[in-house]
């Protein structure tokens, strides 16, 4: 089992680390103004996980500021790349 896990990490996982954003990644990462740096960091306390105002009818009321701020940090740390790399978000 241990050898199988090592083989997976060496051969299969690297391809997945550089794949495309999928499913809800577009809203949570690519279009989120907090993650993209289009608003100040304090906005993480006023916007939901998807970047919508909490008072908006479009908001799911999913309040996850620490996750959103960790996405922002990942974006900042990989900014020298094209900015759309999924590597930093794993």
PDB file of N, CA and C in Angstrom:
ATOM      1  N   UNK A   1       0.829  -1.191   0.000  1.00  0.00           N
ATOM      2  CA  UNK A   1       0.000   0.000   0.000  1.00  0.00           C
ATOM      3  C   UNK A   1       0.878   1.261   0.000  1.00  0.00           C
ATOM      4  N   UNK A   2       1.947   1.206   0.773  1.00  0.00           N
ATOM      5  CA  UNK A   2       2.837   2.354   0.846  1.00  0.00           C
ATOM      6  C   UNK A   2       3.497   2.614  -0.510  1.00  0.00           C
ATOM      7  N   UNK A   3       3.930   1.557  -1.163  1.00  0.00           N
ATOM      8  CA  UNK A   3       4.560   1.694  -2.479  1.00  0.00           C
ATOM      9  C   UNK A   3       3.572   2.249  -3.498  1.00  0.00           C
ATOM     10  N   UNK A   4       2.332   1.837  -3.411  1.00  0.00           N
ATOM     11  CA  UNK A   4       1.303   2.343  -4.325  1.00  0.00           C
ATOM     12  C   UNK A   4       1.079   3.834  -4.097  1.00  0.00           C
ATOM     13  N   UNK A   5       1.070   4.258  -2.855  1.00  0.00           N
ATOM     14  CA  UNK A   5       0.898   5.680  -2.547  1.00  0.00           C
ATOM     15  C   UNK A   5       2.067   6.496  -3.073  1.00  0.00           C
ATOM     16  N   UNK A   6       3.266   6.001  -2.912  1.00  0.00           N
ATOM     17  CA  UNK A   6       4.454   6.697  -3.428  1.00  0.00           C
ATOM     18  C   UNK A   6       4.409   6.766  -4.954  1.00  0.00           C
ATOM     19  N   UNK A   7       4.019   5.680  -5.585  1.00  0.00           N
ATOM     20  CA  UNK A   7       3.923   5.663  -7.053  1.00  0.00           C
ATOM     21  C   UNK A   7       2.889   6.680  -7.526  1.00  0.00           C
ATOM     22  N   UNK A   8       1.761   6.763  -6.843  1.00  0.00           N
ATOM     23  CA  UNK A   8       0.735   7.742  -7.205  1.00  0.00           C
ATOM     24  C   UNK A   8       1.282   9.163  -7.089  1.00  0.00           C
ATOM     25  N   UNK A   9       1.949   9.456  -5.984  1.00  0.00           N
ATOM     26  CA  UNK A   9       2.485  10.794  -5.769  1.00  0.00           C
ATOM     27  C   UNK A   9       3.529  11.173  -6.820  1.00  0.00           C
ATOM     28  N   UNK A  10       4.305  10.206  -7.238  1.00  0.00           N
ATOM     29  CA  UNK A  10       5.374  10.486  -8.204  1.00  0.00           C
ATOM     30  C   UNK A  10       4.888  10.610  -9.641  1.00  0.00           C
ATOM     31  N   UNK A  11       3.863   9.864  -9.995  1.00  0.00           N
ATOM     32  CA  UNK A  11       3.464   9.809 -11.406  1.00  0.00           C
ATOM     33  C   UNK A  11       2.117  10.447 -11.721  1.00  0.00           C
ATOM     34  N   UNK A  12       1.120  10.231 -10.900  1.00  0.00           N
ATOM     35  CA  UNK A  12      -0.221  10.718 -11.221  1.00  0.00           C
ATOM     36  C   UNK A  12      -0.482  12.118 -10.677  1.00  0.00           C
ATOM     37  N   UNK A  13      -0.072  12.384  -9.454  1.00  0.00           N
ATOM     38  CA  UNK A  13      -0.392  13.657  -8.812  1.00  0.00           C
ATOM     39  C   UNK A  13       0.179  14.878  -9.531  1.00  0.00           C
ATOM     40  N   UNK A  14       1.424  14.870 -10.013  1.00  0.00           N
ATOM     41  CA  UNK A  14       1.944  16.082 -10.653  1.00  0.00           C
ATOM     42  C   UNK A  14       1.091  16.572 -11.832  1.00  0.00           C
ATOM     43  N   UNK A  15       0.516  15.672 -12.576  1.00  0.00           N
ATOM     44  CA  UNK A  15      -0.345  16.085 -13.694  1.00  0.00           C
ATOM     45  C   UNK A  15      -1.597  16.782 -13.191  1.00  0.00           C
ATOM     46  N   UNK A  16      -2.095  16.371 -12.057  1.00  0.00           N
ATOM     47  CA  UNK A  16      -3.301  16.981 -11.504  1.00  0.00           C
ATOM     48  C   UNK A  16      -3.029  18.346 -10.877  1.00  0.00           C
ATOM     49  N   UNK A  17      -1.822  18.589 -10.453  1.00  0.00           N
ATOM     50  CA  UNK A  17      -1.482  19.857  -9.825  1.00  0.00           C
ATOM     51  C   UNK A  17      -1.485  21.024 -10.806  1.00  0.00           C
ATOM     52  N   UNK A  18      -1.368  20.737 -12.076  1.00  0.00           N
ATOM     53  CA  UNK A  18      -1.316  21.788 -13.093  1.00  0.00           C
ATOM     54  C   UNK A  18      -2.519  21.750 -14.024  1.00  0.00           C
ATOM     55  N   UNK A  19      -3.596  21.134 -13.594  1.00  0.00           N
ATOM     56  CA  UNK A  19      -4.793  21.036 -14.423  1.00  0.00           C
ATOM     57  C   UNK A  19      -5.587  22.323 -14.422  1.00  0.00           C
ATOM     58  N   UNK A  20      -6.725  22.320 -15.085  1.00  0.00           N
ATOM     59  CA  UNK A  20      -7.564  23.521 -15.144  1.00  0.00           C
ATOM     60  C   UNK A  20      -8.378  23.701 -13.862  1.00  0.00           C
ATOM     61  N   UNK A  21      -8.881  24.913 -13.669  1.00  0.00           N
ATOM     62  CA  UNK A  21      -9.860  25.138 -12.606  1.00  0.00           C
ATOM     63  C   UNK A  21     -11.145  24.420 -13.017  1.00  0.00           C
ATOM     64  N   UNK A  22     -11.825  23.824 -12.060  1.00  0.00           N
ATOM     65  CA  UNK A  22     -13.033  23.053 -12.355  1.00  0.00           C
ATOM     66  C   UNK A  22     -14.205  23.499 -11.491  1.00  0.00           C
ATOM     67  N   UNK A  23     -15.394  23.175 -11.951  1.00  0.00           N
ATOM     68  CA  UNK A  23     -16.648  23.331 -11.208  1.00  0.00           C
ATOM     69  C   UNK A  23     -16.792  24.721 -10.607  1.00  0.00           C
ATOM     70  N   UNK A  24     -16.774  24.817  -9.273  1.00  0.00           N
ATOM     71  CA  UNK A  24     -17.023  26.103  -8.626  1.00  0.00           C
ATOM     72  C   UNK A  24     -15.775  26.975  -8.493  1.00  0.00           C
ATOM     73  N   UNK A  25     -14.646  26.523  -9.036  1.00  0.00           N
ATOM     74  CA  UNK A  25     -13.413  27.307  -8.957  1.00  0.00           C
ATOM     75  C   UNK A  25     -13.552  28.663  -9.648  1.00  0.00           C
ATOM     76  N   UNK A  26     -14.333  28.725 -10.702  1.00  0.00           N
ATOM     77  CA  UNK A  26     -14.487  29.987 -11.431  1.00  0.00           C
ATOM     78  C   UNK A  26     -15.058  31.060 -10.513  1.00  0.00           C
ATOM     79  N   UNK A  27     -16.083  30.718  -9.752  1.00  0.00           N
ATOM     80  CA  UNK A  27     -16.700  31.703  -8.855  1.00  0.00           C
ATOM     81  C   UNK A  27     -15.868  31.921  -7.595  1.00  0.00           C
ATOM     82  N   UNK A  28     -15.366  30.868  -6.999  1.00  0.00           N
ATOM     83  CA  UNK A  28     -14.666  30.975  -5.717  1.00  0.00           C
ATOM     84  C   UNK A  28     -13.265  31.556  -5.854  1.00  0.00           C
ATOM     85  N   UNK A  29     -12.635  31.361  -6.991  1.00  0.00           N
ATOM     86  CA  UNK A  29     -11.244  31.800  -7.148  1.00  0.00           C
ATOM     87  C   UNK A  29     -11.091  32.814  -8.280  1.00  0.00           C
ATOM     88  N   UNK A  30     -11.486  32.456  -9.464  1.00  0.00           N
ATOM     89  CA  UNK A  30     -11.206  33.304 -10.617  1.00  0.00           C
ATOM     90  C   UNK A  30     -12.002  34.609 -10.624  1.00  0.00           C
ATOM     91  N   UNK A  31     -13.256  34.591 -10.198  1.00  0.00           N
ATOM     92  CA  UNK A  31     -14.088  35.802 -10.224  1.00  0.00           C
ATOM     93  C   UNK A  31     -14.254  36.467  -8.865  1.00  0.00           C
ATOM     94  N   UNK A  32     -13.688  35.905  -7.820  1.00  0.00           N
ATOM     95  CA  UNK A  32     -13.851  36.464  -6.485  1.00  0.00           C
ATOM     96  C   UNK A  32     -12.959  37.700  -6.340  1.00  0.00           C
ATOM     97  N   UNK A  33     -13.548  38.872  -6.070  1.00  0.00           N
ATOM     98  CA  UNK A  33     -12.747  40.102  -6.001  1.00  0.00           C
ATOM     99  C   UNK A  33     -11.752  40.121  -4.841  1.00  0.00           C
ATOM    100  N   UNK A  34     -12.030  39.409  -3.770  1.00  0.00           N
ATOM    101  CA  UNK A  34     -11.076  39.342  -2.661  1.00  0.00           C
ATOM    102  C   UNK A  34      -9.849  38.550  -3.091  1.00  0.00           C
ATOM    103  N   UNK A  35     -10.063  37.412  -3.719  1.00  0.00           N
ATOM    104  CA  UNK A  35      -8.963  36.553  -4.157  1.00  0.00           C
ATOM    105  C   UNK A  35      -8.120  37.260  -5.210  1.00  0.00           C
ATOM    106  N   UNK A  36      -8.757  37.964  -6.119  1.00  0.00           N
ATOM    107  CA  UNK A  36      -8.047  38.630  -7.206  1.00  0.00           C
ATOM    108  C   UNK A  36      -7.404  39.950  -6.806  1.00  0.00           C
ATOM    109  N   UNK A  37      -7.662  40.420  -5.600  1.00  0.00           N
ATOM    110  CA  UNK A  37      -7.056  41.665  -5.139  1.00  0.00           C
ATOM    111  C   UNK A  37      -7.739  42.911  -5.645  1.00  0.00           C
ATOM    112  N   UNK A  38      -8.967  42.798  -6.123  1.00  0.00           N
ATOM    113  CA  UNK A  38      -9.688  43.965  -6.632  1.00  0.00           C
ATOM    114  C   UNK A  38     -10.336  44.783  -5.521  1.00  0.00           C
ATOM    115  N   UNK A  39     -10.357  44.232  -4.307  1.00  0.00           N
ATOM    116  CA  UNK A  39     -10.900  44.933  -3.142  1.00  0.00           C
ATOM    117  C   UNK A  39      -9.908  44.762  -1.992  1.00  0.00           C
ATOM    118  N   UNK A  40      -9.978  45.612  -0.973  1.00  0.00           N
ATOM    119  CA  UNK A  40      -9.073  45.463   0.167  1.00  0.00           C
ATOM    120  C   UNK A  40      -9.316  44.151   0.928  1.00  0.00           C
ATOM    121  N   UNK A  41      -8.321  43.742   1.685  1.00  0.00           N
ATOM    122  CA  UNK A  41      -8.440  42.500   2.461  1.00  0.00           C
ATOM    123  C   UNK A  41      -9.640  42.500   3.402  1.00  0.00           C
ATOM    124  N   UNK A  42      -9.991  43.668   3.943  1.00  0.00           N
ATOM    125  CA  UNK A  42     -11.122  43.757   4.864  1.00  0.00           C
ATOM    126  C   UNK A  42     -12.425  43.317   4.218  1.00  0.00           C
ATOM    127  N   UNK A  43     -12.503  43.355   2.910  1.00  0.00           N
ATOM    128  CA  UNK A  43     -13.730  42.957   2.215  1.00  0.00           C
ATOM    129  C   UNK A  43     -14.052  41.485   2.445  1.00  0.00           C
ATOM    130  N   UNK A  44     -13.062  40.696   2.818  1.00  0.00           N
ATOM    131  CA  UNK A  44     -13.313  39.277   3.111  1.00  0.00           C
ATOM    132  C   UNK A  44     -14.296  39.127   4.260  1.00  0.00           C
ATOM    133  N   UNK A  45     -14.411  40.152   5.093  1.00  0.00           N
ATOM    134  CA  UNK A  45     -15.334  40.094   6.216  1.00  0.00           C
ATOM    135  C   UNK A  45     -16.749  40.541   5.826  1.00  0.00           C
ATOM    136  N   UNK A  46     -16.901  41.092   4.638  1.00  0.00           N
ATOM    137  CA  UNK A  46     -18.207  41.588   4.204  1.00  0.00           C
ATOM    138  C   UNK A  46     -18.776  40.803   3.032  1.00  0.00           C
ATOM    139  N   UNK A  47     -17.930  40.049   2.348  1.00  0.00           N
ATOM    140  CA  UNK A  47     -18.381  39.292   1.185  1.00  0.00           C
ATOM    141  C   UNK A  47     -18.460  37.814   1.525  1.00  0.00           C
ATOM    142  N   UNK A  48     -19.336  37.101   0.829  1.00  0.00           N
ATOM    143  CA  UNK A  48     -19.423  35.661   1.061  1.00  0.00           C
ATOM    144  C   UNK A  48     -18.295  34.932   0.331  1.00  0.00           C
ATOM    145  N   UNK A  49     -18.284  33.642   0.430  1.00  0.00           N
ATOM    146  CA  UNK A  49     -17.239  32.811  -0.171  1.00  0.00           C
ATOM    147  C   UNK A  49     -17.132  33.011  -1.677  1.00  0.00           C
ATOM    148  N   UNK A  50     -18.209  33.398  -2.310  1.00  0.00           N
ATOM    149  CA  UNK A  50     -18.243  33.545  -3.766  1.00  0.00           C
ATOM    150  C   UNK A  50     -17.962  34.968  -4.211  1.00  0.00           C
ATOM    151  N   UNK A  51     -17.755  35.894  -3.264  1.00  0.00           N
ATOM    152  CA  UNK A  51     -17.447  37.278  -3.607  1.00  0.00           C
ATOM    153  C   UNK A  51     -18.653  38.178  -3.693  1.00  0.00           C
ATOM    154  N   UNK A  52     -19.801  37.697  -3.272  1.00  0.00           N
ATOM    155  CA  UNK A  52     -21.033  38.494  -3.288  1.00  0.00           C
ATOM    156  C   UNK A  52     -21.230  39.187  -1.944  1.00  0.00           C
ATOM    157  N   UNK A  53     -21.862  40.355  -1.967  1.00  0.00           N
ATOM    158  CA  UNK A  53     -22.228  41.026  -0.713  1.00  0.00           C
ATOM    159  C   UNK A  53     -23.151  40.100   0.073  1.00  0.00           C
ATOM    160  N   UNK A  54     -22.940  40.000   1.375  1.00  0.00           N
ATOM    161  CA  UNK A  54     -23.760  39.117   2.204  1.00  0.00           C
ATOM    162  C   UNK A  54     -25.236  39.507   2.159  1.00  0.00           C
ATOM    163  N   UNK A  55     -25.512  40.786   1.956  1.00  0.00           N
ATOM    164  CA  UNK A  55     -26.902  41.252   1.919  1.00  0.00           C
ATOM    165  C   UNK A  55     -27.568  41.033   0.560  1.00  0.00           C
ATOM    166  N   UNK A  56     -26.806  40.638  -0.426  1.00  0.00           N
ATOM    167  CA  UNK A  56     -27.338  40.446  -1.778  1.00  0.00           C
ATOM    168  C   UNK A  56     -28.244  39.214  -1.850  1.00  0.00           C
ATOM    169  N   UNK A  57     -29.313  39.280  -2.627  1.00  0.00           N
ATOM    170  CA  UNK A  57     -30.150  38.090  -2.816  1.00  0.00           C
ATOM    171  C   UNK A  57     -29.401  36.975  -3.559  1.00  0.00           C
ATOM    172  N   UNK A  58     -28.331  37.333  -4.263  1.00  0.00           N
ATOM    173  CA  UNK A  58     -27.527  36.324  -4.977  1.00  0.00           C
ATOM    174  C   UNK A  58     -26.580  35.565  -4.050  1.00  0.00           C
ATOM    175  N   UNK A  59     -26.385  36.088  -2.828  1.00  0.00           N
ATOM    176  CA  UNK A  59     -25.457  35.476  -1.884  1.00  0.00           C
ATOM    177  C   UNK A  59     -26.018  34.169  -1.333  1.00  0.00           C
ATOM    178  N   UNK A  60     -25.145  33.197  -1.210  1.00  0.00           N
ATOM    179  CA  UNK A  60     -25.518  31.919  -0.589  1.00  0.00           C
ATOM    180  C   UNK A  60     -25.348  31.988   0.918  1.00  0.00           C
ATOM    181  N   UNK A  61     -24.852  33.128   1.404  1.00  0.00           N
ATOM    182  CA  UNK A  61     -24.589  33.364   2.833  1.00  0.00           C
ATOM    183  C   UNK A  61     -23.538  32.402   3.383  1.00  0.00           C
ATOM    184  N   UNK A  62     -22.655  31.932   2.523  1.00  0.00           N
ATOM    185  CA  UNK A  62     -21.569  31.057   2.954  1.00  0.00           C
ATOM    186  C   UNK A  62     -20.378  31.933   3.315  1.00  0.00           C
ATOM    187  N   UNK A  63     -20.158  32.110   4.597  1.00  0.00           N
ATOM    188  CA  UNK A  63     -19.152  33.021   5.116  1.00  0.00           C
ATOM    189  C   UNK A  63     -17.908  32.226   5.495  1.00  0.00           C
ATOM    190  N   UNK A  64     -16.855  32.319   4.666  1.00  0.00           N
ATOM    191  CA  UNK A  64     -15.606  31.589   4.909  1.00  0.00           C
ATOM    192  C   UNK A  64     -14.410  32.515   4.668  1.00  0.00           C
ATOM    193  N   UNK A  65     -14.248  33.518   5.513  1.00  0.00           N
ATOM    194  CA  UNK A  65     -13.185  34.499   5.256  1.00  0.00           C
ATOM    195  C   UNK A  65     -11.779  33.920   5.317  1.00  0.00           C
ATOM    196  N   UNK A  66     -11.523  32.952   6.183  1.00  0.00           N
ATOM    197  CA  UNK A  66     -10.170  32.389   6.259  1.00  0.00           C
ATOM    198  C   UNK A  66      -9.809  31.629   4.986  1.00  0.00           C
ATOM    199  N   UNK A  67     -10.770  30.909   4.434  1.00  0.00           N
ATOM    200  CA  UNK A  67     -10.518  30.193   3.176  1.00  0.00           C
ATOM    201  C   UNK A  67     -10.287  31.201   2.052  1.00  0.00           C
ATOM    202  N   UNK A  68     -11.118  32.215   1.991  1.00  0.00           N
ATOM    203  CA  UNK A  68     -10.979  33.234   0.951  1.00  0.00           C
ATOM    204  C   UNK A  68      -9.628  33.935   1.057  1.00  0.00           C
ATOM    205  N   UNK A  69      -9.216  34.266   2.276  1.00  0.00           N
ATOM    206  CA  UNK A  69      -7.919  34.919   2.456  1.00  0.00           C
ATOM    207  C   UNK A  69      -6.759  33.981   2.134  1.00  0.00           C
ATOM    208  N   UNK A  70      -6.937  32.684   2.392  1.00  0.00           N
ATOM    209  CA  UNK A  70      -5.877  31.740   2.014  1.00  0.00           C
ATOM    210  C   UNK A  70      -5.778  31.631   0.491  1.00  0.00           C
ATOM    211  N   UNK A  71      -6.917  31.736  -0.210  1.00  0.00           N
ATOM    212  CA  UNK A  71      -6.881  31.774  -1.676  1.00  0.00           C
ATOM    213  C   UNK A  71      -6.155  33.027  -2.153  1.00  0.00           C
ATOM    214  N   UNK A  72      -6.387  34.157  -1.482  1.00  0.00           N
ATOM    215  CA  UNK A  72      -5.710  35.406  -1.846  1.00  0.00           C
ATOM    216  C   UNK A  72      -4.203  35.246  -1.670  1.00  0.00           C
ATOM    217  N   UNK A  73      -3.788  34.643  -0.557  1.00  0.00           N
ATOM    218  CA  UNK A  73      -2.367  34.414  -0.320  1.00  0.00           C
ATOM    219  C   UNK A  73      -1.775  33.512  -1.399  1.00  0.00           C
ATOM    220  N   UNK A  74      -2.488  32.472  -1.759  1.00  0.00           N
ATOM    221  CA  UNK A  74      -2.019  31.582  -2.826  1.00  0.00           C
ATOM    222  C   UNK A  74      -1.856  32.341  -4.127  1.00  0.00           C
ATOM    223  N   UNK A  75      -2.804  33.203  -4.429  1.00  0.00           N
ATOM    224  CA  UNK A  75      -2.742  34.009  -5.656  1.00  0.00           C
ATOM    225  C   UNK A  75      -1.529  34.935  -5.626  1.00  0.00           C
ATOM    226  N   UNK A  76      -1.286  35.580  -4.483  1.00  0.00           N
ATOM    227  CA  UNK A  76      -0.151  36.497  -4.363  1.00  0.00           C
ATOM    228  C   UNK A  76       1.165  35.742  -4.506  1.00  0.00           C
ATOM    229  N   UNK A  77       1.275  34.586  -3.878  1.00  0.00           N
ATOM    230  CA  UNK A  77       2.521  33.827  -3.910  1.00  0.00           C
ATOM    231  C   UNK A  77       2.846  33.279  -5.297  1.00  0.00           C
ATOM    232  N   UNK A  78       1.860  33.112  -6.133  1.00  0.00           N
ATOM    233  CA  UNK A  78       2.129  32.580  -7.470  1.00  0.00           C
ATOM    234  C   UNK A  78       1.975  33.638  -8.552  1.00  0.00           C
ATOM    235  N   UNK A  79       1.947  34.899  -8.179  1.00  0.00           N
ATOM    236  CA  UNK A  79       1.643  35.953  -9.151  1.00  0.00           C
ATOM    237  C   UNK A  79       2.669  36.035 -10.268  1.00  0.00           C
ATOM    238  N   UNK A  80       3.897  35.562 -10.033  1.00  0.00           N
ATOM    239  CA  UNK A  80       4.891  35.617 -11.109  1.00  0.00           C
ATOM    240  C   UNK A  80       4.529  34.667 -12.240  1.00  0.00           C
ATOM    241  N   UNK A  81       3.643  33.718 -11.981  1.00  0.00           N
ATOM    242  CA  UNK A  81       3.167  32.850 -13.066  1.00  0.00           C
ATOM    243  C   UNK A  81       2.050  33.587 -13.800  1.00  0.00           C
ATOM    244  N   UNK A  82       1.328  32.906 -14.619  1.00  0.00           N
ATOM    245  CA  UNK A  82       0.288  33.559 -15.430  1.00  0.00           C
ATOM    246  C   UNK A  82      -0.933  33.994 -14.622  1.00  0.00           C
ATOM    247  N   UNK A  83      -1.005  33.648 -13.334  1.00  0.00           N
ATOM    248  CA  UNK A  83      -2.137  34.047 -12.512  1.00  0.00           C
ATOM    249  C   UNK A  83      -3.311  33.097 -12.596  1.00  0.00           C
ATOM    250  N   UNK A  84      -3.339  32.252 -13.584  1.00  0.00           N
ATOM    251  CA  UNK A  84      -4.427  31.279 -13.725  1.00  0.00           C
ATOM    252  C   UNK A  84      -3.960  29.865 -13.457  1.00  0.00           C
ATOM    253  N   UNK A  85      -2.806  29.714 -12.868  1.00  0.00           N
ATOM    254  CA  UNK A  85      -2.281  28.397 -12.545  1.00  0.00           C
ATOM    255  C   UNK A  85      -3.019  27.834 -11.340  1.00  0.00           C
ATOM    256  N   UNK A  86      -3.356  26.568 -11.391  1.00  0.00           N
ATOM    257  CA  UNK A  86      -4.030  25.925 -10.272  1.00  0.00           C
ATOM    258  C   UNK A  86      -3.044  25.392  -9.245  1.00  0.00           C
ATOM    259  N   UNK A  87      -1.772  25.385  -9.550  1.00  0.00           N
ATOM    260  CA  UNK A  87      -0.771  24.766  -8.680  1.00  0.00           C
ATOM    261  C   UNK A  87      -0.806  25.295  -7.261  1.00  0.00           C
ATOM    262  N   UNK A  88      -0.862  26.588  -7.077  1.00  0.00           N
ATOM    263  CA  UNK A  88      -0.822  27.191  -5.744  1.00  0.00           C
ATOM    264  C   UNK A  88      -2.050  26.964  -4.909  1.00  0.00           C
ATOM    265  N   UNK A  89      -3.104  26.455  -5.491  1.00  0.00           N
ATOM    266  CA  UNK A  89      -4.355  26.258  -4.760  1.00  0.00           C
ATOM    267  C   UNK A  89      -4.535  24.841  -4.272  1.00  0.00           C
ATOM    268  N   UNK A  90      -3.500  24.014  -4.362  1.00  0.00           N
ATOM    269  CA  UNK A  90      -3.609  22.632  -3.897  1.00  0.00           C
ATOM    270  C   UNK A  90      -2.989  22.479  -2.546  1.00  0.00           C
TER     271      UNK A  90
END
